[in-house]
Amino acid sequence: MTKTRDLSPERQVRRCRRRASALQAVLLAAGVAFVPVRVDELVFQRDPQTNHVWKTTARWRAYLSLPRYLERDRSPFPSQDAYRVRYALRRSQAVQERRARLDLPLVLGEAAGLILLAIFDWVVFCRRRRRGGFVSMPAPR
């Protein structure tokens, strides 16, 4: 036996807004679970032939999971590089340090995108359903 769903327009709008709110909650949870960061990397590498130490810096954007973001190294890079240069001279490997900080413009952009999507879903998409769907044309004869 099938159940017919003849819902009033107000009930359809409420159902649509509930679904839109659930979608927004999922997107917000994904936005909180993965944090956009700006990673700064500093590498001291020794040239084995000349014993010169090369300092290389790099920056890039990435996403970190929330637990990894919370356990990151928060200390700034030391201002004195002499110790690390001597340490890199004694070692045959490179000395590498990374620091991750919150990428605030990207966080604000994602938040603005979520807010605009929520407004569109609530106002435009769900309101259109209240007005009714497409008008069906009679079948041609």
C-alpha atoms as a PDB file:
ATOM      1  CA  MET A   1       0.000   0.000   0.000  1.00  0.00           C
ATOM      2  CA  THR A   2       1.414   3.384  -0.962  1.00  0.00           C
ATOM      3  CA  LYS A   3       1.076   6.476   1.066  1.00  0.00           C
ATOM      4  CA  THR A   4       0.149   9.677  -0.705  1.00  0.00           C
ATOM      5  CA  ARG A   5       1.886  12.852   0.362  1.00  0.00           C
ATOM      6  CA  ASP A   6      -0.314  15.797  -0.250  1.00  0.00           C
ATOM      7  CA  LEU A   7       1.502  18.413   1.785  1.00  0.00           C
ATOM      8  CA  SER A   8       0.529  22.009   2.222  1.00  0.00           C
ATOM      9  CA  PRO A   9       2.938  24.597   0.791  1.00  0.00           C
ATOM     10  CA  GLU A  10       4.014  25.687   4.276  1.00  0.00           C
ATOM     11  CA  ARG A  11       4.886  22.118   5.185  1.00  0.00           C
ATOM     12  CA  GLN A  12       6.865  21.704   1.970  1.00  0.00           C
ATOM     13  CA  VAL A  13       8.844  24.840   2.768  1.00  0.00           C
ATOM     14  CA  ARG A  14       9.576  23.595   6.291  1.00  0.00           C
ATOM     15  CA  ARG A  15      10.767  20.261   4.913  1.00  0.00           C
ATOM     16  CA  CYS A  16      12.919  22.025   2.329  1.00  0.00           C
ATOM     17  CA  ARG A  17      14.446  24.290   4.972  1.00  0.00           C
ATOM     18  CA  ARG A  18      15.178  21.314   7.220  1.00  0.00           C
ATOM     19  CA  ARG A  19      17.020  19.575   4.384  1.00  0.00           C
ATOM     20  CA  ALA A  20      18.909  22.758   3.518  1.00  0.00           C
ATOM     21  CA  SER A  21      19.886  23.189   7.176  1.00  0.00           C
ATOM     22  CA  ALA A  22      21.134  19.589   7.322  1.00  0.00           C
ATOM     23  CA  LEU A  23      23.258  20.184   4.203  1.00  0.00           C
ATOM     24  CA  GLN A  24      24.676  23.371   5.756  1.00  0.00           C
ATOM     25  CA  ALA A  25      25.505  21.488   8.967  1.00  0.00           C
ATOM     26  CA  VAL A  26      27.437  18.854   6.996  1.00  0.00           C
ATOM     27  CA  LEU A  27      29.377  21.550   5.099  1.00  0.00           C
ATOM     28  CA  LEU A  28      30.127  23.418   8.331  1.00  0.00           C
ATOM     29  CA  ALA A  29      31.380  20.216   9.981  1.00  0.00           C
ATOM     30  CA  ALA A  30      33.690  19.586   7.016  1.00  0.00           C
ATOM     31  CA  GLY A  31      34.920  23.190   7.220  1.00  0.00           C
ATOM     32  CA  VAL A  32      35.743  22.795  10.908  1.00  0.00           C
ATOM     33  CA  ALA A  33      37.317  19.342  10.492  1.00  0.00           C
ATOM     34  CA  PHE A  34      39.819  20.572   7.865  1.00  0.00           C
ATOM     35  CA  VAL A  35      41.497  23.893   8.632  1.00  0.00           C
ATOM     36  CA  PRO A  36      43.163  25.960   5.856  1.00  0.00           C
ATOM     37  CA  VAL A  37      46.716  26.864   6.863  1.00  0.00           C
ATOM     38  CA  ARG A  38      49.726  28.675   5.458  1.00  0.00           C
ATOM     39  CA  VAL A  39      52.878  26.546   5.875  1.00  0.00           C
ATOM     40  CA  ASP A  40      56.336  28.149   6.162  1.00  0.00           C
ATOM     41  CA  GLU A  41      59.309  25.828   5.705  1.00  0.00           C
ATOM     42  CA  LEU A  42      62.960  26.554   6.480  1.00  0.00           C
ATOM     43  CA  VAL A  43      65.696  24.140   5.321  1.00  0.00           C
ATOM     44  CA  PHE A  44      69.438  24.271   5.946  1.00  0.00           C
ATOM     45  CA  GLN A  45      71.300  21.934   3.607  1.00  0.00           C
ATOM     46  CA  ARG A  46      75.059  21.344   3.397  1.00  0.00           C
ATOM     47  CA  ASP A  47      76.904  21.000   0.128  1.00  0.00           C
ATOM     48  CA  PRO A  48      79.319  18.070   0.728  1.00  0.00           C
ATOM     49  CA  GLN A  49      82.009  19.321  -1.679  1.00  0.00           C
ATOM     50  CA  THR A  50      82.338  22.931  -0.545  1.00  0.00           C
ATOM     51  CA  ASN A  51      80.853  22.753   2.991  1.00  0.00           C
ATOM     52  CA  HIS A  52      78.580  25.673   2.197  1.00  0.00           C
ATOM     53  CA  VAL A  53      75.220  25.722   3.950  1.00  0.00           C
ATOM     54  CA  TRP A  54      72.246  26.785   1.845  1.00  0.00           C
ATOM     55  CA  LYS A  55      69.192  28.251   3.504  1.00  0.00           C
ATOM     56  CA  THR A  56      65.976  27.584   1.589  1.00  0.00           C
ATOM     57  CA  THR A  57      62.555  28.951   2.499  1.00  0.00           C
ATOM     58  CA  ALA A  58      59.207  27.996   1.032  1.00  0.00           C
ATOM     59  CA  ARG A  59      55.552  28.868   1.644  1.00  0.00           C
ATOM     60  CA  TRP A  60      52.422  27.130   0.497  1.00  0.00           C
ATOM     61  CA  ARG A  61      48.769  26.733   1.361  1.00  0.00           C
ATOM     62  CA  ALA A  62      47.371  23.472   2.639  1.00  0.00           C
ATOM     63  CA  TYR A  63      44.585  21.929   4.699  1.00  0.00           C
ATOM     64  CA  LEU A  64      45.243  20.254   8.039  1.00  0.00           C
ATOM     65  CA  SER A  65      42.891  18.141  10.063  1.00  0.00           C
ATOM     66  CA  LEU A  66      41.832  19.802  13.292  1.00  0.00           C
ATOM     67  CA  PRO A  67      43.845  17.476  15.615  1.00  0.00           C
ATOM     68  CA  ARG A  68      47.046  17.998  13.569  1.00  0.00           C
ATOM     69  CA  TYR A  69      46.465  21.755  13.530  1.00  0.00           C
ATOM     70  CA  LEU A  70      46.072  21.850  17.321  1.00  0.00           C
ATOM     71  CA  GLU A  71      49.269  19.843  17.940  1.00  0.00           C
ATOM     72  CA  ARG A  72      51.450  21.881  15.546  1.00  0.00           C
ATOM     73  CA  ASP A  73      54.594  23.723  16.654  1.00  0.00           C
ATOM     74  CA  ARG A  74      53.532  27.253  17.619  1.00  0.00           C
ATOM     75  CA  SER A  75      56.950  28.682  18.368  1.00  0.00           C
ATOM     76  CA  PRO A  76      58.304  31.225  15.875  1.00  0.00           C
ATOM     77  CA  PHE A  77      61.447  30.544  13.894  1.00  0.00           C
ATOM     78  CA  PRO A  78      64.533  31.449  15.952  1.00  0.00           C
ATOM     79  CA  SER A  79      66.170  34.716  14.938  1.00  0.00           C
ATOM     80  CA  GLN A  80      69.712  33.329  15.288  1.00  0.00           C
ATOM     81  CA  ASP A  81      70.583  30.855  12.537  1.00  0.00           C
ATOM     82  CA  ALA A  82      74.233  30.342  13.570  1.00  0.00           C
ATOM     83  CA  TYR A  83      73.509  27.300  15.724  1.00  0.00           C
ATOM     84  CA  ARG A  84      71.507  25.590  12.994  1.00  0.00           C
ATOM     85  CA  VAL A  85      74.172  26.394  10.399  1.00  0.00           C
ATOM     86  CA  ARG A  86      76.865  24.753  12.563  1.00  0.00           C
ATOM     87  CA  TYR A  87      74.537  21.822  13.203  1.00  0.00           C
ATOM     88  CA  ALA A  88      73.916  21.422   9.446  1.00  0.00           C
ATOM     89  CA  LEU A  89      77.689  21.476   8.836  1.00  0.00           C
ATOM     90  CA  ARG A  90      78.218  18.579  11.243  1.00  0.00           C
ATOM     91  CA  ARG A  91      75.397  16.509   9.769  1.00  0.00           C
ATOM     92  CA  SER A  92      75.168  15.040   6.320  1.00  0.00           C
ATOM     93  CA  GLN A  93      71.397  15.564   6.238  1.00  0.00           C
ATOM     94  CA  ALA A  94      69.390  18.745   5.918  1.00  0.00           C
ATOM     95  CA  VAL A  95      67.978  20.547   8.944  1.00  0.00           C
ATOM     96  CA  GLN A  96      64.312  21.217   8.277  1.00  0.00           C
ATOM     97  CA  GLU A  97      61.681  23.112  10.240  1.00  0.00           C
ATOM     98  CA  ARG A  98      58.029  23.795   9.431  1.00  0.00           C
ATOM     99  CA  ARG A  99      55.502  26.140  10.959  1.00  0.00           C
ATOM    100  CA  ALA A 100      51.805  26.258  10.103  1.00  0.00           C
ATOM    101  CA  ARG A 101      49.559  29.220  10.776  1.00  0.00           C
ATOM    102  CA  LEU A 102      45.902  29.836  10.081  1.00  0.00           C
ATOM    103  CA  ASP A 103      45.153  31.216   6.601  1.00  0.00           C
ATOM    104  CA  LEU A 104      42.647  33.847   7.719  1.00  0.00           C
ATOM    105  CA  PRO A 105      41.566  35.165   4.263  1.00  0.00           C
ATOM    106  CA  LEU A 106      40.704  31.642   3.132  1.00  0.00           C
ATOM    107  CA  VAL A 107      38.815  30.929   6.380  1.00  0.00           C
ATOM    108  CA  LEU A 108      36.773  34.118   5.950  1.00  0.00           C
ATOM    109  CA  GLY A 109      36.123  33.295   2.281  1.00  0.00           C
ATOM    110  CA  GLU A 110      34.855  29.830   3.141  1.00  0.00           C
ATOM    111  CA  ALA A 111      32.632  31.237   5.896  1.00  0.00           C
ATOM    112  CA  ALA A 112      31.195  33.859   3.517  1.00  0.00           C
ATOM    113  CA  GLY A 113      30.555  31.144   0.917  1.00  0.00           C
ATOM    114  CA  LEU A 114      28.682  29.007   3.448  1.00  0.00           C
ATOM    115  CA  ILE A 115      26.583  31.971   4.560  1.00  0.00           C
ATOM    116  CA  LEU A 116      25.683  32.895   0.968  1.00  0.00           C
ATOM    117  CA  LEU A 117      24.785  29.292   0.183  1.00  0.00           C
ATOM    118  CA  ALA A 118      22.570  29.116   3.276  1.00  0.00           C
ATOM    119  CA  ILE A 119      20.784  32.342   2.326  1.00  0.00           C
ATOM    120  CA  PHE A 120      20.256  31.074  -1.227  1.00  0.00           C
ATOM    121  CA  ASP A 121      18.891  27.743  -0.006  1.00  0.00           C
ATOM    122  CA  TRP A 122      16.556  29.267   2.562  1.00  0.00           C
ATOM    123  CA  VAL A 123      15.258  32.228   0.597  1.00  0.00           C
ATOM    124  CA  VAL A 124      15.426  31.422  -3.099  1.00  0.00           C
ATOM    125  CA  PHE A 125      15.348  27.652  -3.439  1.00  0.00           C
ATOM    126  CA  CYS A 126      12.839  26.839  -0.688  1.00  0.00           C
ATOM    127  CA  ARG A 127      10.592  29.772  -1.533  1.00  0.00           C
ATOM    128  CA  ARG A 128      10.376  28.629  -5.152  1.00  0.00           C
ATOM    129  CA  ARG A 129       8.999  25.293  -3.981  1.00  0.00           C
ATOM    130  CA  ARG A 130       6.201  27.064  -2.135  1.00  0.00           C
ATOM    131  CA  ARG A 131       5.034  28.787  -5.300  1.00  0.00           C
ATOM    132  CA  GLY A 132       4.608  25.445  -6.971  1.00  0.00           C
ATOM    133  CA  GLY A 133       6.469  23.479  -9.546  1.00  0.00           C
ATOM    134  CA  PHE A 134       6.183  23.529 -13.267  1.00  0.00           C
ATOM    135  CA  VAL A 135       2.730  23.636 -14.803  1.00  0.00           C
ATOM    136  CA  SER A 136       2.032  20.466 -16.718  1.00  0.00           C
ATOM    137  CA  MET A 137       0.763  20.869 -20.242  1.00  0.00           C
ATOM    138  CA  PRO A 138      -2.044  18.685 -21.538  1.00  0.00           C
ATOM    139  CA  ALA A 139      -0.944  15.812 -23.711  1.00  0.00           C
ATOM    140  CA  PRO A 140      -1.090  16.481 -27.487  1.00  0.00           C
ATOM    141  CA  ARG A 141      -3.813  14.679 -29.393  1.00  0.00           C
END
